[in-house]
Amino acid sequence: MPFLAAAALVLLVFRRSIAAHPLAWCCAAPPAVLAVWLAVEYGTNYRFRGFTILDYLAIRNVIERAVLIVLTACMVSVAFYVTEPRIRARVALALLRRRETRGKSRLAPTIGPTRRPRN
C-alpha cells in the first residue's frame, strides 16, 4: 500500500507533465520503481544487519524479485500508455500537426504568403 500511495501522489503532483510527456514518463517509470523498491527493501531489511548492497544483491531470489518488479512496472506502463484515451488523442494530433507542417516554417500559417519585391 505505501507504494500505491506514493504512485498516486506522484500522479497528482506531476499530472500536467505526465499528460504532456506520456512516453517519457512511461519509459522512466520502470527503472524508478526498481530503484525505489531496492532502496526501501535494502534500507529497511538488510542495511542494519551488516549487509552491503552487493551482499544484498547476492542473496537468493533478490535478482528474480527485481526482474519481476521491472517486468510488472513495464507492463503497467505499457497498459497506461495504450489505454489512456486522452494520451492517444494527443499523440495522434501531434503526429497530424507534424505531418501538416513538415517542410514548412512555423510562422508560415500566421504570416501568410510573402511577396517578392518588383525590380
PDB file of N, CA and C in Angstrom:
ATOM      1  N   MET A   1       0.789  -1.207   0.000  1.00  0.00           N
ATOM      2  CA  MET A   1       0.000   0.000   0.000  1.00  0.00           C
ATOM      3  C   MET A   1       0.840   1.285   0.000  1.00  0.00           C
ATOM      4  N   PRO A   2       2.004   1.309   0.654  1.00  0.00           N
ATOM      5  CA  PRO A   2       2.785   2.548   0.599  1.00  0.00           C
ATOM      6  C   PRO A   2       3.238   2.893  -0.812  1.00  0.00           C
ATOM      7  N   PHE A   3       3.551   1.857  -1.621  1.00  0.00           N
ATOM      8  CA  PHE A   3       3.971   2.128  -2.995  1.00  0.00           C
ATOM      9  C   PHE A   3       2.810   2.664  -3.831  1.00  0.00           C
ATOM     10  N   LEU A   4       1.619   2.159  -3.592  1.00  0.00           N
ATOM     11  CA  LEU A   4       0.436   2.654  -4.295  1.00  0.00           C
ATOM     12  C   LEU A   4       0.150   4.100  -3.918  1.00  0.00           C
ATOM     13  N   ALA A   5       0.288   4.416  -2.644  1.00  0.00           N
ATOM     14  CA  ALA A   5       0.088   5.795  -2.197  1.00  0.00           C
ATOM     15  C   ALA A   5       1.145   6.723  -2.790  1.00  0.00           C
ATOM     16  N   ALA A   6       2.374   6.260  -2.873  1.00  0.00           N
ATOM     17  CA  ALA A   6       3.436   7.072  -3.483  1.00  0.00           C
ATOM     18  C   ALA A   6       3.168   7.288  -4.968  1.00  0.00           C
ATOM     19  N   ALA A   7       2.694   6.257  -5.654  1.00  0.00           N
ATOM     20  CA  ALA A   7       2.373   6.402  -7.083  1.00  0.00           C
ATOM     21  C   ALA A   7       1.226   7.384  -7.288  1.00  0.00           C
ATOM     22  N   ALA A   8       0.215   7.324  -6.431  1.00  0.00           N
ATOM     23  CA  ALA A   8      -0.901   8.268  -6.535  1.00  0.00           C
ATOM     24  C   ALA A   8      -0.437   9.695  -6.270  1.00  0.00           C
ATOM     25  N   LEU A   9       0.461   9.864  -5.311  1.00  0.00           N
ATOM     26  CA  LEU A   9       0.995  11.193  -5.015  1.00  0.00           C
ATOM     27  C   LEU A   9       1.799  11.744  -6.191  1.00  0.00           C
ATOM     28  N   VAL A  10       2.629  10.907  -6.799  1.00  0.00           N
ATOM     29  CA  VAL A  10       3.405  11.335  -7.980  1.00  0.00           C
ATOM     30  C   VAL A  10       2.461  11.697  -9.112  1.00  0.00           C
ATOM     31  N   LEU A  11       1.419  10.904  -9.305  1.00  0.00           N
ATOM     32  CA  LEU A  11       0.451  11.188 -10.363  1.00  0.00           C
ATOM     33  C   LEU A  11      -0.254  12.520 -10.129  1.00  0.00           C
ATOM     34  N   LEU A  12      -0.608  12.816  -8.907  1.00  0.00           N
ATOM     35  CA  LEU A  12      -1.273  14.082  -8.615  1.00  0.00           C
ATOM     36  C   LEU A  12      -0.337  15.279  -8.759  1.00  0.00           C
ATOM     37  N   VAL A  13       0.892  15.128  -8.287  1.00  0.00           N
ATOM     38  CA  VAL A  13       1.828  16.250  -8.328  1.00  0.00           C
ATOM     39  C   VAL A  13       2.283  16.550  -9.752  1.00  0.00           C
ATOM     40  N   PHE A  14       2.563  15.496 -10.536  1.00  0.00           N
ATOM     41  CA  PHE A  14       3.102  15.684 -11.880  1.00  0.00           C
ATOM     42  C   PHE A  14       2.067  15.427 -12.969  1.00  0.00           C
ATOM     43  N   ARG A  15       0.799  15.681 -12.678  1.00  0.00           N
ATOM     44  CA  ARG A  15      -0.292  15.398 -13.603  1.00  0.00           C
ATOM     45  C   ARG A  15      -0.108  16.062 -14.968  1.00  0.00           C
ATOM     46  N   ARG A  16       0.235  17.318 -14.980  1.00  0.00           N
ATOM     47  CA  ARG A  16       0.377  18.037 -16.253  1.00  0.00           C
ATOM     48  C   ARG A  16       1.580  17.553 -17.051  1.00  0.00           C
ATOM     49  N   SER A  17       2.661  17.278 -16.360  1.00  0.00           N
ATOM     50  CA  SER A  17       3.853  16.784 -17.043  1.00  0.00           C
ATOM     51  C   SER A  17       3.619  15.388 -17.628  1.00  0.00           C
ATOM     52  N   ILE A  18       2.902  14.549 -16.889  1.00  0.00           N
ATOM     53  CA  ILE A  18       2.596  13.206 -17.389  1.00  0.00           C
ATOM     54  C   ILE A  18       1.693  13.287 -18.610  1.00  0.00           C
ATOM     55  N   ALA A  19       0.723  14.199 -18.581  1.00  0.00           N
ATOM     56  CA  ALA A  19      -0.170  14.358 -19.729  1.00  0.00           C
ATOM     57  C   ALA A  19       0.569  14.936 -20.930  1.00  0.00           C
ATOM     58  N   ALA A  20       1.546  15.796 -20.685  1.00  0.00           N
ATOM     59  CA  ALA A  20       2.277  16.418 -21.797  1.00  0.00           C
ATOM     60  C   ALA A  20       3.340  15.498 -22.376  1.00  0.00           C
ATOM     61  N   HIS A  21       3.957  14.655 -21.537  1.00  0.00           N
ATOM     62  CA  HIS A  21       5.060  13.794 -21.987  1.00  0.00           C
ATOM     63  C   HIS A  21       4.841  12.354 -21.518  1.00  0.00           C
ATOM     64  N   PRO A  22       3.806  11.690 -22.031  1.00  0.00           N
ATOM     65  CA  PRO A  22       3.489  10.353 -21.510  1.00  0.00           C
ATOM     66  C   PRO A  22       4.552   9.306 -21.836  1.00  0.00           C
ATOM     67  N   LEU A  23       5.135   9.381 -23.013  1.00  0.00           N
ATOM     68  CA  LEU A  23       6.119   8.371 -23.395  1.00  0.00           C
ATOM     69  C   LEU A  23       7.362   8.450 -22.510  1.00  0.00           C
ATOM     70  N   ALA A  24       7.814   9.645 -22.220  1.00  0.00           N
ATOM     71  CA  ALA A  24       8.988   9.800 -21.358  1.00  0.00           C
ATOM     72  C   ALA A  24       8.705   9.265 -19.956  1.00  0.00           C
ATOM     73  N   TRP A  25       7.526   9.553 -19.426  1.00  0.00           N
ATOM     74  CA  TRP A  25       7.173   9.067 -18.097  1.00  0.00           C
ATOM     75  C   TRP A  25       7.024   7.552 -18.090  1.00  0.00           C
ATOM     76  N   CYS A  26       6.433   7.000 -19.145  1.00  0.00           N
ATOM     77  CA  CYS A  26       6.260   5.547 -19.206  1.00  0.00           C
ATOM     78  C   CYS A  26       7.598   4.831 -19.360  1.00  0.00           C
ATOM     79  N   CYS A  27       8.554   5.455 -19.998  1.00  0.00           N
ATOM     80  CA  CYS A  27       9.886   4.851 -20.123  1.00  0.00           C
ATOM     81  C   CYS A  27      10.697   5.002 -18.835  1.00  0.00           C
ATOM     82  N   ALA A  28      10.494   6.079 -18.118  1.00  0.00           N
ATOM     83  CA  ALA A  28      11.258   6.322 -16.894  1.00  0.00           C
ATOM     84  C   ALA A  28      10.669   5.618 -15.672  1.00  0.00           C
ATOM     85  N   ALA A  29       9.428   5.209 -15.738  1.00  0.00           N
ATOM     86  CA  ALA A  29       8.773   4.621 -14.571  1.00  0.00           C
ATOM     87  C   ALA A  29       9.378   3.287 -14.121  1.00  0.00           C
ATOM     88  N   PRO A  30       9.607   2.304 -15.007  1.00  0.00           N
ATOM     89  CA  PRO A  30      10.141   1.019 -14.523  1.00  0.00           C
ATOM     90  C   PRO A  30      11.492   1.120 -13.806  1.00  0.00           C
ATOM     91  N   PRO A  31      12.495   1.846 -14.344  1.00  0.00           N
ATOM     92  CA  PRO A  31      13.740   1.969 -13.569  1.00  0.00           C
ATOM     93  C   PRO A  31      13.544   2.720 -12.250  1.00  0.00           C
ATOM     94  N   ALA A  32      12.652   3.690 -12.233  1.00  0.00           N
ATOM     95  CA  ALA A  32      12.395   4.427 -10.990  1.00  0.00           C
ATOM     96  C   ALA A  32      11.738   3.529  -9.950  1.00  0.00           C
ATOM     97  N   VAL A  33      10.801   2.707 -10.392  1.00  0.00           N
ATOM     98  CA  VAL A  33      10.142   1.773  -9.471  1.00  0.00           C
ATOM     99  C   VAL A  33      11.165   0.790  -8.905  1.00  0.00           C
ATOM    100  N   LEU A  34      12.042   0.283  -9.758  1.00  0.00           N
ATOM    101  CA  LEU A  34      13.072  -0.645  -9.289  1.00  0.00           C
ATOM    102  C   LEU A  34      14.005   0.026  -8.281  1.00  0.00           C
ATOM    103  N   ALA A  35      14.428   1.240  -8.571  1.00  0.00           N
ATOM    104  CA  ALA A  35      15.337   1.939  -7.659  1.00  0.00           C
ATOM    105  C   ALA A  35      14.679   2.191  -6.304  1.00  0.00           C
ATOM    106  N   VAL A  36      13.428   2.598  -6.313  1.00  0.00           N
ATOM    107  CA  VAL A  36      12.722   2.852  -5.051  1.00  0.00           C
ATOM    108  C   VAL A  36      12.532   1.546  -4.285  1.00  0.00           C
ATOM    109  N   TRP A  37      12.152   0.482  -4.988  1.00  0.00           N
ATOM    110  CA  TRP A  37      11.959  -0.803  -4.321  1.00  0.00           C
ATOM    111  C   TRP A  37      13.266  -1.306  -3.710  1.00  0.00           C
ATOM    112  N   LEU A  38      14.355  -1.239  -4.466  1.00  0.00           N
ATOM    113  CA  LEU A  38      15.641  -1.686  -3.927  1.00  0.00           C
ATOM    114  C   LEU A  38      16.062  -0.858  -2.722  1.00  0.00           C
ATOM    115  N   ALA A  39      15.867   0.449  -2.794  1.00  0.00           N
ATOM    116  CA  ALA A  39      16.252   1.312  -1.680  1.00  0.00           C
ATOM    117  C   ALA A  39      15.435   0.997  -0.429  1.00  0.00           C
ATOM    118  N   VAL A  40      14.140   0.828  -0.597  1.00  0.00           N
ATOM    119  CA  VAL A  40      13.291   0.536   0.557  1.00  0.00           C
ATOM    120  C   VAL A  40      13.583  -0.852   1.107  1.00  0.00           C
ATOM    121  N   GLU A  41      13.682  -1.837   0.231  1.00  0.00           N
ATOM    122  CA  GLU A  41      13.932  -3.211   0.674  1.00  0.00           C
ATOM    123  C   GLU A  41      15.286  -3.333   1.375  1.00  0.00           C
ATOM    124  N   TYR A  42      16.307  -2.777   0.771  1.00  0.00           N
ATOM    125  CA  TYR A  42      17.644  -2.855   1.369  1.00  0.00           C
ATOM    126  C   TYR A  42      17.720  -2.016   2.645  1.00  0.00           C
ATOM    127  N   GLY A  43      17.164  -0.815   2.593  1.00  0.00           N
ATOM    128  CA  GLY A  43      17.247   0.084   3.736  1.00  0.00           C
ATOM    129  C   GLY A  43      16.484  -0.383   4.955  1.00  0.00           C
ATOM    130  N   THR A  44      15.360  -1.064   4.749  1.00  0.00           N
ATOM    131  CA  THR A  44      14.561  -1.474   5.897  1.00  0.00           C
ATOM    132  C   THR A  44      14.917  -2.857   6.416  1.00  0.00           C
ATOM    133  N   ASN A  45      15.410  -3.741   5.556  1.00  0.00           N
ATOM    134  CA  ASN A  45      15.608  -5.125   5.981  1.00  0.00           C
ATOM    135  C   ASN A  45      17.064  -5.557   6.135  1.00  0.00           C
ATOM    136  N   TYR A  46      17.969  -5.018   5.364  1.00  0.00           N
ATOM    137  CA  TYR A  46      19.297  -5.607   5.296  1.00  0.00           C
ATOM    138  C   TYR A  46      20.442  -4.672   5.674  1.00  0.00           C
ATOM    139  N   ARG A  47      20.252  -3.395   5.589  1.00  0.00           N
ATOM    140  CA  ARG A  47      21.340  -2.455   5.859  1.00  0.00           C
ATOM    141  C   ARG A  47      21.810  -2.552   7.308  1.00  0.00           C
ATOM    142  N   PHE A  48      20.902  -2.708   8.228  1.00  0.00           N
ATOM    143  CA  PHE A  48      21.256  -2.731   9.646  1.00  0.00           C
ATOM    144  C   PHE A  48      21.801  -4.083  10.100  1.00  0.00           C
ATOM    145  N   ARG A  49      21.721  -5.079   9.232  1.00  0.00           N
ATOM    146  CA  ARG A  49      22.254  -6.400   9.560  1.00  0.00           C
ATOM    147  C   ARG A  49      23.708  -6.551   9.127  1.00  0.00           C
ATOM    148  N   GLY A  50      24.301  -5.530   8.569  1.00  0.00           N
ATOM    149  CA  GLY A  50      25.692  -5.592   8.156  1.00  0.00           C
ATOM    150  C   GLY A  50      25.899  -5.990   6.714  1.00  0.00           C
ATOM    151  N   PHE A  51      24.833  -6.065   5.929  1.00  0.00           N
ATOM    152  CA  PHE A  51      24.949  -6.415   4.518  1.00  0.00           C
ATOM    153  C   PHE A  51      25.324  -5.176   3.704  1.00  0.00           C
ATOM    154  N   THR A  52      26.222  -5.351   2.742  1.00  0.00           N
ATOM    155  CA  THR A  52      26.447  -4.292   1.763  1.00  0.00           C
ATOM    156  C   THR A  52      25.425  -4.480   0.657  1.00  0.00           C
ATOM    157  N   ILE A  53      25.349  -3.529  -0.234  1.00  0.00           N
ATOM    158  CA  ILE A  53      24.379  -3.647  -1.335  1.00  0.00           C
ATOM    159  C   ILE A  53      24.724  -4.834  -2.225  1.00  0.00           C
ATOM    160  N   LEU A  54      26.022  -5.112  -2.416  1.00  0.00           N
ATOM    161  CA  LEU A  54      26.412  -6.268  -3.239  1.00  0.00           C
ATOM    162  C   LEU A  54      26.070  -7.580  -2.537  1.00  0.00           C
ATOM    163  N   ASP A  55      26.239  -7.624  -1.215  1.00  0.00           N
ATOM    164  CA  ASP A  55      25.816  -8.812  -0.465  1.00  0.00           C
ATOM    165  C   ASP A  55      24.309  -9.007  -0.590  1.00  0.00           C
ATOM    166  N   TYR A  56      23.595  -7.913  -0.518  1.00  0.00           N
ATOM    167  CA  TYR A  56      22.140  -7.977  -0.637  1.00  0.00           C
ATOM    168  C   TYR A  56      21.719  -8.509  -2.002  1.00  0.00           C
ATOM    169  N   LEU A  57      22.360  -8.027  -3.063  1.00  0.00           N
ATOM    170  CA  LEU A  57      22.005  -8.483  -4.407  1.00  0.00           C
ATOM    171  C   LEU A  57      22.381  -9.945  -4.631  1.00  0.00           C
ATOM    172  N   ALA A  58      23.343 -10.463  -3.849  1.00  0.00           N
ATOM    173  CA  ALA A  58      23.752 -11.858  -3.980  1.00  0.00           C
ATOM    174  C   ALA A  58      22.833 -12.809  -3.232  1.00  0.00           C
ATOM    175  N   ILE A  59      21.948 -12.286  -2.405  1.00  0.00           N
ATOM    176  CA  ILE A  59      21.020 -13.140  -1.664  1.00  0.00           C
ATOM    177  C   ILE A  59      20.068 -13.810  -2.645  1.00  0.00           C
ATOM    178  N   ARG A  60      19.712 -15.024  -2.320  1.00  0.00           N
ATOM    179  CA  ARG A  60      18.850 -15.817  -3.192  1.00  0.00           C
ATOM    180  C   ARG A  60      17.517 -15.106  -3.434  1.00  0.00           C
ATOM    181  N   ASN A  61      17.083 -15.089  -4.646  1.00  0.00           N
ATOM    182  CA  ASN A  61      15.799 -14.560  -5.120  1.00  0.00           C
ATOM    183  C   ASN A  61      15.700 -13.038  -5.166  1.00  0.00           C
ATOM    184  N   VAL A  62      16.730 -12.315  -4.812  1.00  0.00           N
ATOM    185  CA  VAL A  62      16.643 -10.851  -4.899  1.00  0.00           C
ATOM    186  C   VAL A  62      16.618 -10.418  -6.362  1.00  0.00           C
ATOM    187  N   ILE A  63      17.503 -10.968  -7.175  1.00  0.00           N
ATOM    188  CA  ILE A  63      17.533 -10.617  -8.594  1.00  0.00           C
ATOM    189  C   ILE A  63      16.231 -11.041  -9.269  1.00  0.00           C
ATOM    190  N   GLU A  64      15.717 -12.215  -8.908  1.00  0.00           N
ATOM    191  CA  GLU A  64      14.459 -12.680  -9.506  1.00  0.00           C
ATOM    192  C   GLU A  64      13.303 -11.755  -9.137  1.00  0.00           C
ATOM    193  N   ARG A  65      13.263 -11.314  -7.895  1.00  0.00           N
ATOM    194  CA  ARG A  65      12.206 -10.375  -7.484  1.00  0.00           C
ATOM    195  C   ARG A  65      12.374  -9.028  -8.184  1.00  0.00           C
ATOM    196  N   ALA A  66      13.613  -8.605  -8.369  1.00  0.00           N
ATOM    197  CA  ALA A  66      13.861  -7.337  -9.067  1.00  0.00           C
ATOM    198  C   ALA A  66      13.401  -7.424 -10.524  1.00  0.00           C
ATOM    199  N   VAL A  67      13.682  -8.546 -11.178  1.00  0.00           N
ATOM    200  CA  VAL A  67      13.220  -8.736 -12.561  1.00  0.00           C
ATOM    201  C   VAL A  67      11.701  -8.748 -12.614  1.00  0.00           C
ATOM    202  N   LEU A  68      11.074  -9.413 -11.650  1.00  0.00           N
ATOM    203  CA  LEU A  68       9.615  -9.439 -11.592  1.00  0.00           C
ATOM    204  C   LEU A  68       9.041  -8.034 -11.413  1.00  0.00           C
ATOM    205  N   ILE A  69       9.665  -7.237 -10.584  1.00  0.00           N
ATOM    206  CA  ILE A  69       9.191  -5.867 -10.355  1.00  0.00           C
ATOM    207  C   ILE A  69       9.352  -5.017 -11.612  1.00  0.00           C
ATOM    208  N   VAL A  70      10.482  -5.154 -12.302  1.00  0.00           N
ATOM    209  CA  VAL A  70      10.687  -4.378 -13.536  1.00  0.00           C
ATOM    210  C   VAL A  70       9.697  -4.811 -14.607  1.00  0.00           C
ATOM    211  N   LEU A  71       9.485  -6.118 -14.770  1.00  0.00           N
ATOM    212  CA  LEU A  71       8.521  -6.581 -15.769  1.00  0.00           C
ATOM    213  C   LEU A  71       7.106  -6.116 -15.453  1.00  0.00           C
ATOM    214  N   THR A  72       6.726  -6.162 -14.192  1.00  0.00           N
ATOM    215  CA  THR A  72       5.403  -5.678 -13.801  1.00  0.00           C
ATOM    216  C   THR A  72       5.265  -4.185 -14.066  1.00  0.00           C
ATOM    217  N   ALA A  73       6.292  -3.419 -13.725  1.00  0.00           N
ATOM    218  CA  ALA A  73       6.248  -1.977 -13.975  1.00  0.00           C
ATOM    219  C   ALA A  73       6.199  -1.685 -15.472  1.00  0.00           C
ATOM    220  N   CYS A  74       6.904  -2.470 -16.273  1.00  0.00           N
ATOM    221  CA  CYS A  74       6.851  -2.289 -17.734  1.00  0.00           C
ATOM    222  C   CYS A  74       5.462  -2.586 -18.282  1.00  0.00           C
ATOM    223  N   MET A  75       4.849  -3.662 -17.786  1.00  0.00           N
ATOM    224  CA  MET A  75       3.501  -3.999 -18.263  1.00  0.00           C
ATOM    225  C   MET A  75       2.492  -2.919 -17.882  1.00  0.00           C
ATOM    226  N   VAL A  76       2.578  -2.427 -16.681  1.00  0.00           N
ATOM    227  CA  VAL A  76       1.663  -1.370 -16.243  1.00  0.00           C
ATOM    228  C   VAL A  76       1.905  -0.099 -17.043  1.00  0.00           C
ATOM    229  N   SER A  77       3.152   0.188 -17.323  1.00  0.00           N
ATOM    230  CA  SER A  77       3.493   1.382 -18.081  1.00  0.00           C
ATOM    231  C   SER A  77       2.942   1.302 -19.508  1.00  0.00           C
ATOM    232  N   VAL A  78       3.119   0.163 -20.137  1.00  0.00           N
ATOM    233  CA  VAL A  78       2.588  -0.025 -21.497  1.00  0.00           C
ATOM    234  C   VAL A  78       1.063   0.026 -21.479  1.00  0.00           C
ATOM    235  N   ALA A  79       0.453  -0.613 -20.513  1.00  0.00           N
ATOM    236  CA  ALA A  79      -1.014  -0.582 -20.415  1.00  0.00           C
ATOM    237  C   ALA A  79      -1.520   0.842 -20.222  1.00  0.00           C
ATOM    238  N   PHE A  80      -0.837   1.621 -19.394  1.00  0.00           N
ATOM    239  CA  PHE A  80      -1.236   3.016 -19.191  1.00  0.00           C
ATOM    240  C   PHE A  80      -1.108   3.803 -20.487  1.00  0.00           C
ATOM    241  N   TYR A  81      -0.005   3.623 -21.192  1.00  0.00           N
ATOM    242  CA  TYR A  81       0.232   4.389 -22.418  1.00  0.00           C
ATOM    243  C   TYR A  81      -0.772   4.028 -23.513  1.00  0.00           C
ATOM    244  N   VAL A  82      -1.123   2.762 -23.609  1.00  0.00           N
ATOM    245  CA  VAL A  82      -2.008   2.311 -24.681  1.00  0.00           C
ATOM    246  C   VAL A  82      -3.473   2.621 -24.389  1.00  0.00           C
ATOM    247  N   THR A  83      -3.886   2.496 -23.150  1.00  0.00           N
ATOM    248  CA  THR A  83      -5.317   2.596 -22.855  1.00  0.00           C
ATOM    249  C   THR A  83      -5.802   3.989 -22.490  1.00  0.00           C
ATOM    250  N   GLU A  84      -4.913   4.889 -22.236  1.00  0.00           N
ATOM    251  CA  GLU A  84      -5.353   6.236 -21.862  1.00  0.00           C
ATOM    252  C   GLU A  84      -5.825   6.976 -23.115  1.00  0.00           C
ATOM    253  N   PRO A  85      -7.139   7.225 -23.252  1.00  0.00           N
ATOM    254  CA  PRO A  85      -7.655   7.826 -24.492  1.00  0.00           C
ATOM    255  C   PRO A  85      -7.167   9.254 -24.729  1.00  0.00           C
ATOM    256  N   ARG A  86      -7.022  10.037 -23.682  1.00  0.00           N
ATOM    257  CA  ARG A  86      -6.556  11.411 -23.883  1.00  0.00           C
ATOM    258  C   ARG A  86      -5.130  11.428 -24.403  1.00  0.00           C
ATOM    259  N   ILE A  87      -4.331  10.524 -23.901  1.00  0.00           N
ATOM    260  CA  ILE A  87      -2.947  10.465 -24.359  1.00  0.00           C
ATOM    261  C   ILE A  87      -2.904  10.032 -25.815  1.00  0.00           C
ATOM    262  N   ARG A  88      -3.681   9.027 -26.169  1.00  0.00           N
ATOM    263  CA  ARG A  88      -3.694   8.583 -27.565  1.00  0.00           C
ATOM    264  C   ARG A  88      -4.180   9.696 -28.484  1.00  0.00           C
ATOM    265  N   ALA A  89      -5.184  10.458 -28.049  1.00  0.00           N
ATOM    266  CA  ALA A  89      -5.687  11.554 -28.876  1.00  0.00           C
ATOM    267  C   ALA A  89      -4.628  12.638 -29.045  1.00  0.00           C
ATOM    268  N   ARG A  90      -3.891  12.960 -27.992  1.00  0.00           N
ATOM    269  CA  ARG A  90      -2.846  13.976 -28.096  1.00  0.00           C
ATOM    270  C   ARG A  90      -1.706  13.521 -28.993  1.00  0.00           C
ATOM    271  N   VAL A  91      -1.351  12.257 -28.907  1.00  0.00           N
ATOM    272  CA  VAL A  91      -0.286  11.739 -29.776  1.00  0.00           C
ATOM    273  C   VAL A  91      -0.740  11.779 -31.224  1.00  0.00           C
ATOM    274  N   ALA A  92      -1.980  11.395 -31.478  1.00  0.00           N
ATOM    275  CA  ALA A  92      -2.495  11.430 -32.847  1.00  0.00           C
ATOM    276  C   ALA A  92      -2.525  12.855 -33.383  1.00  0.00           C
ATOM    277  N   LEU A  93      -2.966  13.816 -32.574  1.00  0.00           N
ATOM    278  CA  LEU A  93      -2.978  15.212 -33.021  1.00  0.00           C
ATOM    279  C   LEU A  93      -1.566  15.732 -33.261  1.00  0.00           C
ATOM    280  N   ALA A  94      -0.643  15.374 -32.418  1.00  0.00           N
ATOM    281  CA  ALA A  94       0.739  15.822 -32.611  1.00  0.00           C
ATOM    282  C   ALA A  94       1.325  15.250 -33.897  1.00  0.00           C
ATOM    283  N   LEU A  95       1.014  13.994 -34.180  1.00  0.00           N
ATOM    284  CA  LEU A  95       1.507  13.394 -35.427  1.00  0.00           C
ATOM    285  C   LEU A  95       0.880  14.059 -36.640  1.00  0.00           C
ATOM    286  N   LEU A  96      -0.415  14.381 -36.557  1.00  0.00           N
ATOM    287  CA  LEU A  96      -1.069  15.073 -37.670  1.00  0.00           C
ATOM    288  C   LEU A  96      -0.463  16.460 -37.891  1.00  0.00           C
ATOM    289  N   ARG A  97      -0.228  17.178 -36.806  1.00  0.00           N
ATOM    290  CA  ARG A  97       0.367  18.510 -36.931  1.00  0.00           C
ATOM    291  C   ARG A  97       1.773  18.429 -37.501  1.00  0.00           C
ATOM    292  N   ARG A  98       2.508  17.419 -37.108  1.00  0.00           N
ATOM    293  CA  ARG A  98       3.865  17.259 -37.624  1.00  0.00           C
ATOM    294  C   ARG A  98       3.840  16.981 -39.124  1.00  0.00           C
ATOM    295  N   ARG A  99       2.903  16.144 -39.559  1.00  0.00           N
ATOM    296  CA  ARG A  99       2.794  15.851 -40.994  1.00  0.00           C
ATOM    297  C   ARG A  99       2.365  17.070 -41.783  1.00  0.00           C
ATOM    298  N   GLU A 100       1.457  17.875 -41.206  1.00  0.00           N
ATOM    299  CA  GLU A 100       0.970  19.066 -41.902  1.00  0.00           C
ATOM    300  C   GLU A 100       2.056  20.128 -42.027  1.00  0.00           C
ATOM    301  N   THR A 101       2.892  20.261 -41.017  1.00  0.00           N
ATOM    302  CA  THR A 101       3.893  21.323 -41.020  1.00  0.00           C
ATOM    303  C   THR A 101       5.256  20.847 -41.510  1.00  0.00           C
ATOM    304  N   ARG A 102       5.350  19.621 -41.978  1.00  0.00           N
ATOM    305  CA  ARG A 102       6.633  19.112 -42.451  1.00  0.00           C
ATOM    306  C   ARG A 102       7.108  19.943 -43.642  1.00  0.00           C
ATOM    307  N   GLY A 103       8.276  20.496 -43.513  1.00  0.00           N
ATOM    308  CA  GLY A 103       8.856  21.285 -44.592  1.00  0.00           C
ATOM    309  C   GLY A 103       8.404  22.737 -44.593  1.00  0.00           C
ATOM    310  N   LYS A 104       7.496  23.107 -43.717  1.00  0.00           N
ATOM    311  CA  LYS A 104       7.009  24.478 -43.664  1.00  0.00           C
ATOM    312  C   LYS A 104       7.598  25.182 -42.453  1.00  0.00           C
ATOM    313  N   SER A 105       7.639  26.472 -42.533  1.00  0.00           N
ATOM    314  CA  SER A 105       8.079  27.251 -41.392  1.00  0.00           C
ATOM    315  C   SER A 105       6.961  27.297 -40.355  1.00  0.00           C
ATOM    316  N   ARG A 106       7.323  27.441 -39.104  1.00  0.00           N
ATOM    317  CA  ARG A 106       6.296  27.549 -38.068  1.00  0.00           C
ATOM    318  C   ARG A 106       5.521  28.857 -38.186  1.00  0.00           C
ATOM    319  N   LEU A 107       6.142  29.856 -38.750  1.00  0.00           N
ATOM    320  CA  LEU A 107       5.481  31.152 -38.880  1.00  0.00           C
ATOM    321  C   LEU A 107       4.654  31.264 -40.146  1.00  0.00           C
ATOM    322  N   ALA A 108       4.778  30.339 -41.048  1.00  0.00           N
ATOM    323  CA  ALA A 108       4.080  30.428 -42.328  1.00  0.00           C
ATOM    324  C   ALA A 108       2.567  30.559 -42.180  1.00  0.00           C
ATOM    325  N   PRO A 109       1.891  29.805 -41.342  1.00  0.00           N
ATOM    326  CA  PRO A 109       0.443  29.974 -41.247  1.00  0.00           C
ATOM    327  C   PRO A 109       0.025  31.329 -40.672  1.00  0.00           C
ATOM    328  N   THR A 110       0.858  31.974 -39.860  1.00  0.00           N
ATOM    329  CA  THR A 110       0.461  33.234 -39.265  1.00  0.00           C
ATOM    330  C   THR A 110       0.842  34.420 -40.136  1.00  0.00           C
ATOM    331  N   ILE A 111       1.897  34.316 -40.891  1.00  0.00           N
ATOM    332  CA  ILE A 111       2.352  35.452 -41.704  1.00  0.00           C
ATOM    333  C   ILE A 111       1.585  35.521 -43.018  1.00  0.00           C
ATOM    334  N   GLY A 112       1.310  34.406 -43.620  1.00  0.00           N
ATOM    335  CA  GLY A 112       0.644  34.378 -44.897  1.00  0.00           C
ATOM    336  C   GLY A 112       1.664  34.359 -46.022  1.00  0.00           C
ATOM    337  N   PRO A 113       1.194  34.420 -47.246  1.00  0.00           N
ATOM    338  CA  PRO A 113       2.139  34.344 -48.375  1.00  0.00           C
ATOM    339  C   PRO A 113       3.001  35.599 -48.446  1.00  0.00           C
ATOM    340  N   THR A 114       4.223  35.401 -48.829  1.00  0.00           N
ATOM    341  CA  THR A 114       5.140  36.540 -48.972  1.00  0.00           C
ATOM    342  C   THR A 114       5.191  36.979 -50.422  1.00  0.00           C
ATOM    343  N   ARG A 115       5.411  38.259 -50.617  1.00  0.00           N
ATOM    344  CA  ARG A 115       5.509  38.795 -51.988  1.00  0.00           C
ATOM    345  C   ARG A 115       6.944  39.162 -52.268  1.00  0.00           C
ATOM    346  N   ARG A 116       7.353  38.885 -53.445  1.00  0.00           N
ATOM    347  CA  ARG A 116       8.699  39.246 -53.860  1.00  0.00           C
ATOM    348  C   ARG A 116       8.675  40.696 -54.355  1.00  0.00           C
ATOM    349  N   PRO A 117       9.671  41.469 -53.983  1.00  0.00           N
ATOM    350  CA  PRO A 117       9.696  42.866 -54.470  1.00  0.00           C
ATOM    351  C   PRO A 117       9.953  42.927 -55.964  1.00  0.00           C
ATOM    352  N   ARG A 118       9.284  43.860 -56.612  1.00  0.00           N
ATOM    353  CA  ARG A 118       9.466  44.032 -58.070  1.00  0.00           C
ATOM    354  C   ARG A 118      10.676  44.899 -58.339  1.00  0.00           C
ATOM    355  N   ASN A 119      11.405  44.518 -59.338  1.00  0.00           N
ATOM    356  CA  ASN A 119      12.594  45.312 -59.733  1.00  0.00           C
ATOM    357  C   ASN A 119      12.272  46.305 -60.768  1.00  0.00           C
TER     358      ASN A 119
END
